[in-house]
Amino acid sequence: MGDDGKPSLHMHAVLGRSDGTTRGGHFLNGIVRPTLEVTIVETPARLRRRKRPELGLALIDLT
């Protein structure tokens, strides 16, 4: 959940390149051609990100 109380996605991706290597990281946007394989894993706990002004970013609150 985001700070606004609405569901929020945080996605990572591993992408294969034509030379057989891969690149991974945060998925921000992309174009798919010709195929896409997606695996979704739901955590057993409800996770919520909270803004940490002292760090300048939102982190998962484990409390």
PDB file of N, CA and C in Angstrom:
ATOM      1  N   MET A   1       0.840  -1.186   0.000  1.00  0.00           N
ATOM      2  CA  MET A   1       0.000   0.000   0.000  1.00  0.00           C
ATOM      3  C   MET A   1       0.881   1.245   0.000  1.00  0.00           C
ATOM      4  N   GLY A   2       0.448   2.237  -0.718  1.00  0.00           N
ATOM      5  CA  GLY A   2       1.181   3.493  -0.749  1.00  0.00           C
ATOM      6  C   GLY A   2       0.755   4.399   0.388  1.00  0.00           C
ATOM      7  N   ASP A   3       1.409   5.552   0.512  1.00  0.00           N
ATOM      8  CA  ASP A   3       1.060   6.508   1.561  1.00  0.00           C
ATOM      9  C   ASP A   3      -0.368   7.014   1.420  1.00  0.00           C
ATOM     10  N   ASP A   4      -0.912   6.924   0.207  1.00  0.00           N
ATOM     11  CA  ASP A   4      -2.279   7.383  -0.030  1.00  0.00           C
ATOM     12  C   ASP A   4      -3.310   6.305   0.292  1.00  0.00           C
ATOM     13  N   GLY A   5      -2.870   5.127   0.779  1.00  0.00           N
ATOM     14  CA  GLY A   5      -3.772   4.047   1.136  1.00  0.00           C
ATOM     15  C   GLY A   5      -4.218   3.192  -0.032  1.00  0.00           C
ATOM     16  N   LYS A   6      -3.738   3.474  -1.234  1.00  0.00           N
ATOM     17  CA  LYS A   6      -4.109   2.719  -2.422  1.00  0.00           C
ATOM     18  C   LYS A   6      -3.037   1.657  -2.714  1.00  0.00           C
ATOM     19  N   PRO A   7      -3.438   0.567  -3.366  1.00  0.00           N
ATOM     20  CA  PRO A   7      -2.449  -0.454  -3.727  1.00  0.00           C
ATOM     21  C   PRO A   7      -1.347   0.135  -4.602  1.00  0.00           C
ATOM     22  N   SER A   8      -0.132  -0.338  -4.401  1.00  0.00           N
ATOM     23  CA  SER A   8       1.020   0.174  -5.131  1.00  0.00           C
ATOM     24  C   SER A   8       1.886  -0.995  -5.591  1.00  0.00           C
ATOM     25  N   LEU A   9       2.317  -0.965  -6.836  1.00  0.00           N
ATOM     26  CA  LEU A   9       3.192  -2.020  -7.358  1.00  0.00           C
ATOM     27  C   LEU A   9       4.645  -1.599  -7.272  1.00  0.00           C
ATOM     28  N   HIS A  10       5.476  -2.541  -6.900  1.00  0.00           N
ATOM     29  CA  HIS A  10       6.932  -2.358  -6.908  1.00  0.00           C
ATOM     30  C   HIS A  10       7.466  -3.561  -7.667  1.00  0.00           C
ATOM     31  N   MET A  11       7.915  -3.344  -8.887  1.00  0.00           N
ATOM     32  CA  MET A  11       8.249  -4.472  -9.756  1.00  0.00           C
ATOM     33  C   MET A  11       9.736  -4.509 -10.100  1.00  0.00           C
ATOM     34  N   HIS A  12      10.258  -5.734 -10.146  1.00  0.00           N
ATOM     35  CA  HIS A  12      11.617  -5.975 -10.611  1.00  0.00           C
ATOM     36  C   HIS A  12      11.533  -6.822 -11.869  1.00  0.00           C
ATOM     37  N   ALA A  13      12.552  -6.733 -12.693  1.00  0.00           N
ATOM     38  CA  ALA A  13      12.556  -7.508 -13.932  1.00  0.00           C
ATOM     39  C   ALA A  13      13.961  -8.026 -14.207  1.00  0.00           C
ATOM     40  N   VAL A  14      14.023  -9.180 -14.848  1.00  0.00           N
ATOM     41  CA  VAL A  14      15.273  -9.709 -15.397  1.00  0.00           C
ATOM     42  C   VAL A  14      15.009  -9.881 -16.882  1.00  0.00           C
ATOM     43  N   LEU A  15      15.802  -9.218 -17.701  1.00  0.00           N
ATOM     44  CA  LEU A  15      15.594  -9.205 -19.144  1.00  0.00           C
ATOM     45  C   LEU A  15      16.732  -9.918 -19.848  1.00  0.00           C
ATOM     46  N   GLY A  16      16.385 -10.791 -20.794  1.00  0.00           N
ATOM     47  CA  GLY A  16      17.391 -11.504 -21.581  1.00  0.00           C
ATOM     48  C   GLY A  16      17.789 -10.712 -22.809  1.00  0.00           C
ATOM     49  N   ARG A  17      19.074 -10.720 -23.104  1.00  0.00           N
ATOM     50  CA  ARG A  17      19.600 -10.015 -24.279  1.00  0.00           C
ATOM     51  C   ARG A  17      19.956 -11.021 -25.361  1.00  0.00           C
ATOM     52  N   SER A  18      20.107 -10.534 -26.564  1.00  0.00           N
ATOM     53  CA  SER A  18      20.369 -11.421 -27.704  1.00  0.00           C
ATOM     54  C   SER A  18      21.694 -12.171 -27.579  1.00  0.00           C
ATOM     55  N   ASP A  19      22.645 -11.655 -26.786  1.00  0.00           N
ATOM     56  CA  ASP A  19      23.933 -12.339 -26.622  1.00  0.00           C
ATOM     57  C   ASP A  19      23.907 -13.362 -25.480  1.00  0.00           C
ATOM     58  N   GLY A  20      22.724 -13.582 -24.868  1.00  0.00           N
ATOM     59  CA  GLY A  20      22.591 -14.575 -23.801  1.00  0.00           C
ATOM     60  C   GLY A  20      22.789 -14.017 -22.402  1.00  0.00           C
ATOM     61  N   THR A  21      23.217 -12.770 -22.258  1.00  0.00           N
ATOM     62  CA  THR A  21      23.370 -12.162 -20.941  1.00  0.00           C
ATOM     63  C   THR A  21      22.019 -11.615 -20.488  1.00  0.00           C
ATOM     64  N   THR A  22      21.950 -11.211 -19.221  1.00  0.00           N
ATOM     65  CA  THR A  22      20.721 -10.641 -18.684  1.00  0.00           C
ATOM     66  C   THR A  22      21.002  -9.319 -17.993  1.00  0.00           C
ATOM     67  N   ARG A  23      19.978  -8.536 -17.840  1.00  0.00           N
ATOM     68  CA  ARG A  23      20.018  -7.299 -17.069  1.00  0.00           C
ATOM     69  C   ARG A  23      18.842  -7.336 -16.115  1.00  0.00           C
ATOM     70  N   GLY A  24      19.030  -6.855 -14.909  1.00  0.00           N
ATOM     71  CA  GLY A  24      17.944  -6.855 -13.936  1.00  0.00           C
ATOM     72  C   GLY A  24      17.868  -5.546 -13.190  1.00  0.00           C
ATOM     73  N   GLY A  25      16.696  -5.293 -12.628  1.00  0.00           N
ATOM     74  CA  GLY A  25      16.510  -4.089 -11.828  1.00  0.00           C
ATOM     75  C   GLY A  25      15.052  -3.727 -11.707  1.00  0.00           C
ATOM     76  N   HIS A  26      14.791  -2.482 -11.321  1.00  0.00           N
ATOM     77  CA  HIS A  26      13.417  -1.998 -11.188  1.00  0.00           C
ATOM     78  C   HIS A  26      12.787  -1.864 -12.566  1.00  0.00           C
ATOM     79  N   PHE A  27      11.536  -2.312 -12.679  1.00  0.00           N
ATOM     80  CA  PHE A  27      10.807  -2.196 -13.937  1.00  0.00           C
ATOM     81  C   PHE A  27       9.990  -0.915 -13.896  1.00  0.00           C
ATOM     82  N   LEU A  28      10.334   0.047 -14.751  1.00  0.00           N
ATOM     83  CA  LEU A  28       9.638   1.325 -14.786  1.00  0.00           C
ATOM     84  C   LEU A  28       8.665   1.403 -15.956  1.00  0.00           C
ATOM     85  N   ASN A  29       9.099   0.963 -17.127  1.00  0.00           N
ATOM     86  CA  ASN A  29       8.229   0.886 -18.294  1.00  0.00           C
ATOM     87  C   ASN A  29       8.931   0.050 -19.352  1.00  0.00           C
ATOM     88  N   GLY A  30       8.203  -0.374 -20.356  1.00  0.00           N
ATOM     89  CA  GLY A  30       8.825  -1.176 -21.387  1.00  0.00           C
ATOM     90  C   GLY A  30       7.885  -1.488 -22.533  1.00  0.00           C
ATOM     91  N   ILE A  31       8.469  -2.000 -23.595  1.00  0.00           N
ATOM     92  CA  ILE A  31       7.733  -2.464 -24.764  1.00  0.00           C
ATOM     93  C   ILE A  31       8.023  -3.944 -24.907  1.00  0.00           C
ATOM     94  N   VAL A  32       6.990  -4.746 -25.058  1.00  0.00           N
ATOM     95  CA  VAL A  32       7.144  -6.194 -25.158  1.00  0.00           C
ATOM     96  C   VAL A  32       7.004  -6.609 -26.612  1.00  0.00           C
ATOM     97  N   ARG A  33       7.991  -7.391 -27.116  1.00  0.00           N
ATOM     98  CA  ARG A  33       7.869  -8.013 -28.421  1.00  0.00           C
ATOM     99  C   ARG A  33       8.872  -9.130 -28.536  1.00  0.00           C
ATOM    100  N   PRO A  34       8.571 -10.280 -28.921  1.00  0.00           N
ATOM    101  CA  PRO A  34       7.216 -10.720 -29.248  1.00  0.00           C
ATOM    102  C   PRO A  34       6.514 -11.404 -28.081  1.00  0.00           C
ATOM    103  N   THR A  35       7.233 -11.748 -26.979  1.00  0.00           N
ATOM    104  CA  THR A  35       6.584 -12.486 -25.887  1.00  0.00           C
ATOM    105  C   THR A  35       6.917 -11.864 -24.532  1.00  0.00           C
ATOM    106  N   LEU A  36       6.092 -12.199 -23.544  1.00  0.00           N
ATOM    107  CA  LEU A  36       6.301 -11.751 -22.173  1.00  0.00           C
ATOM    108  C   LEU A  36       5.908 -12.876 -21.237  1.00  0.00           C
ATOM    109  N   GLU A  37       6.774 -13.192 -20.284  1.00  0.00           N
ATOM    110  CA  GLU A  37       6.465 -14.185 -19.257  1.00  0.00           C
ATOM    111  C   GLU A  37       6.500 -13.471 -17.921  1.00  0.00           C
ATOM    112  N   VAL A  38       5.426 -13.607 -17.135  1.00  0.00           N
ATOM    113  CA  VAL A  38       5.298 -12.890 -15.866  1.00  0.00           C
ATOM    114  C   VAL A  38       5.091 -13.887 -14.737  1.00  0.00           C
ATOM    115  N   THR A  39       5.833 -13.701 -13.628  1.00  0.00           N
ATOM    116  CA  THR A  39       5.624 -14.480 -12.414  1.00  0.00           C
ATOM    117  C   THR A  39       5.293 -13.487 -11.304  1.00  0.00           C
ATOM    118  N   ILE A  40       4.160 -13.683 -10.651  1.00  0.00           N
ATOM    119  CA  ILE A  40       3.749 -12.797  -9.558  1.00  0.00           C
ATOM    120  C   ILE A  40       3.798 -13.601  -8.266  1.00  0.00           C
ATOM    121  N   VAL A  41       4.482 -13.042  -7.258  1.00  0.00           N
ATOM    122  CA  VAL A  41       4.591 -13.695  -5.960  1.00  0.00           C
ATOM    123  C   VAL A  41       3.961 -12.780  -4.924  1.00  0.00           C
ATOM    124  N   GLU A  42       2.956 -13.304  -4.225  1.00  0.00           N
ATOM    125  CA  GLU A  42       2.308 -12.533  -3.174  1.00  0.00           C
ATOM    126  C   GLU A  42       2.931 -12.888  -1.834  1.00  0.00           C
ATOM    127  N   THR A  43       3.297 -11.873  -1.072  1.00  0.00           N
ATOM    128  CA  THR A  43       3.875 -12.121   0.246  1.00  0.00           C
ATOM    129  C   THR A  43       2.774 -12.463   1.231  1.00  0.00           C
ATOM    130  N   PRO A  44       3.070 -13.274   2.260  1.00  0.00           N
ATOM    131  CA  PRO A  44       2.045 -13.619   3.238  1.00  0.00           C
ATOM    132  C   PRO A  44       1.659 -12.435   4.129  1.00  0.00           C
ATOM    133  N   ALA A  45       2.512 -11.453   4.241  1.00  0.00           N
ATOM    134  CA  ALA A  45       2.228 -10.280   5.083  1.00  0.00           C
ATOM    135  C   ALA A  45       1.798  -9.112   4.207  1.00  0.00           C
ATOM    136  N   ARG A  46       1.019  -8.214   4.772  1.00  0.00           N
ATOM    137  CA  ARG A  46       0.654  -6.987   4.057  1.00  0.00           C
ATOM    138  C   ARG A  46       1.789  -5.992   4.245  1.00  0.00           C
ATOM    139  N   LEU A  47       2.384  -5.588   3.147  1.00  0.00           N
ATOM    140  CA  LEU A  47       3.502  -4.657   3.203  1.00  0.00           C
ATOM    141  C   LEU A  47       3.020  -3.248   2.892  1.00  0.00           C
ATOM    142  N   ARG A  48       3.595  -2.291   3.582  1.00  0.00           N
ATOM    143  CA  ARG A  48       3.256  -0.894   3.334  1.00  0.00           C
ATOM    144  C   ARG A  48       4.536  -0.081   3.325  1.00  0.00           C
ATOM    145  N   ARG A  49       4.641   0.781   2.327  1.00  0.00           N
ATOM    146  CA  ARG A  49       5.796   1.668   2.233  1.00  0.00           C
ATOM    147  C   ARG A  49       5.441   2.990   2.910  1.00  0.00           C
ATOM    148  N   ARG A  50       6.374   3.512   3.686  1.00  0.00           N
ATOM    149  CA  ARG A  50       6.174   4.804   4.346  1.00  0.00           C
ATOM    150  C   ARG A  50       7.338   5.718   3.992  1.00  0.00           C
ATOM    151  N   LYS A  51       6.978   6.987   3.751  1.00  0.00           N
ATOM    152  CA  LYS A  51       8.009   7.973   3.420  1.00  0.00           C
ATOM    153  C   LYS A  51       8.915   8.190   4.617  1.00  0.00           C
ATOM    154  N   ARG A  52      10.202   8.222   4.356  1.00  0.00           N
ATOM    155  CA  ARG A  52      11.202   8.523   5.381  1.00  0.00           C
ATOM    156  C   ARG A  52      11.863   9.842   4.991  1.00  0.00           C
ATOM    157  N   PRO A  53      11.332  10.967   5.482  1.00  0.00           N
ATOM    158  CA  PRO A  53      11.846  12.283   5.074  1.00  0.00           C
ATOM    159  C   PRO A  53      13.344  12.440   5.301  1.00  0.00           C
ATOM    160  N   GLU A  54      13.851  11.820   6.370  1.00  0.00           N
ATOM    161  CA  GLU A  54      15.284  11.961   6.663  1.00  0.00           C
ATOM    162  C   GLU A  54      16.154  11.264   5.625  1.00  0.00           C
ATOM    163  N   LEU A  55      15.564  10.304   4.891  1.00  0.00           N
ATOM    164  CA  LEU A  55      16.308   9.587   3.839  1.00  0.00           C
ATOM    165  C   LEU A  55      15.910  10.042   2.436  1.00  0.00           C
ATOM    166  N   GLY A  56      14.766  10.696   2.331  1.00  0.00           N
ATOM    167  CA  GLY A  56      14.299  11.171   1.036  1.00  0.00           C
ATOM    168  C   GLY A  56      13.680  10.092   0.161  1.00  0.00           C
ATOM    169  N   LEU A  57      13.178   9.002   0.785  1.00  0.00           N
ATOM    170  CA  LEU A  57      12.543   7.935   0.027  1.00  0.00           C
ATOM    171  C   LEU A  57      11.569   7.169   0.889  1.00  0.00           C
ATOM    172  N   ALA A  58      10.764   6.330   0.234  1.00  0.00           N
ATOM    173  CA  ALA A  58       9.795   5.492   0.950  1.00  0.00           C
ATOM    174  C   ALA A  58      10.371   4.095   1.081  1.00  0.00           C
ATOM    175  N   LEU A  59      10.321   3.543   2.284  1.00  0.00           N
ATOM    176  CA  LEU A  59      10.809   2.204   2.549  1.00  0.00           C
ATOM    177  C   LEU A  59       9.679   1.350   3.116  1.00  0.00           C
ATOM    178  N   ILE A  60       9.802   0.044   2.982  1.00  0.00           N
ATOM    179  CA  ILE A  60       8.816  -0.864   3.544  1.00  0.00           C
ATOM    180  C   ILE A  60       8.902  -0.787   5.064  1.00  0.00           C
ATOM    181  N   ASP A  61       7.747  -0.553   5.690  1.00  0.00           N
ATOM    182  CA  ASP A  61       7.665  -0.464   7.145  1.00  0.00           C
ATOM    183  C   ASP A  61       7.405  -1.867   7.692  1.00  0.00           C
ATOM    184  N   LEU A  62       8.334  -2.429   8.432  1.00  0.00           N
ATOM    185  CA  LEU A  62       8.227  -3.797   8.930  1.00  0.00           C
ATOM    186  C   LEU A  62       7.539  -3.893  10.284  1.00  0.00           C
ATOM    187  N   THR A  63       7.105  -2.747  10.844  1.00  0.00           N
ATOM    188  CA  THR A  63       6.438  -2.784  12.156  1.00  0.00           C
ATOM    189  C   THR A  63       4.968  -3.107  12.040  1.00  0.00           C
TER     190      THR A  63
END
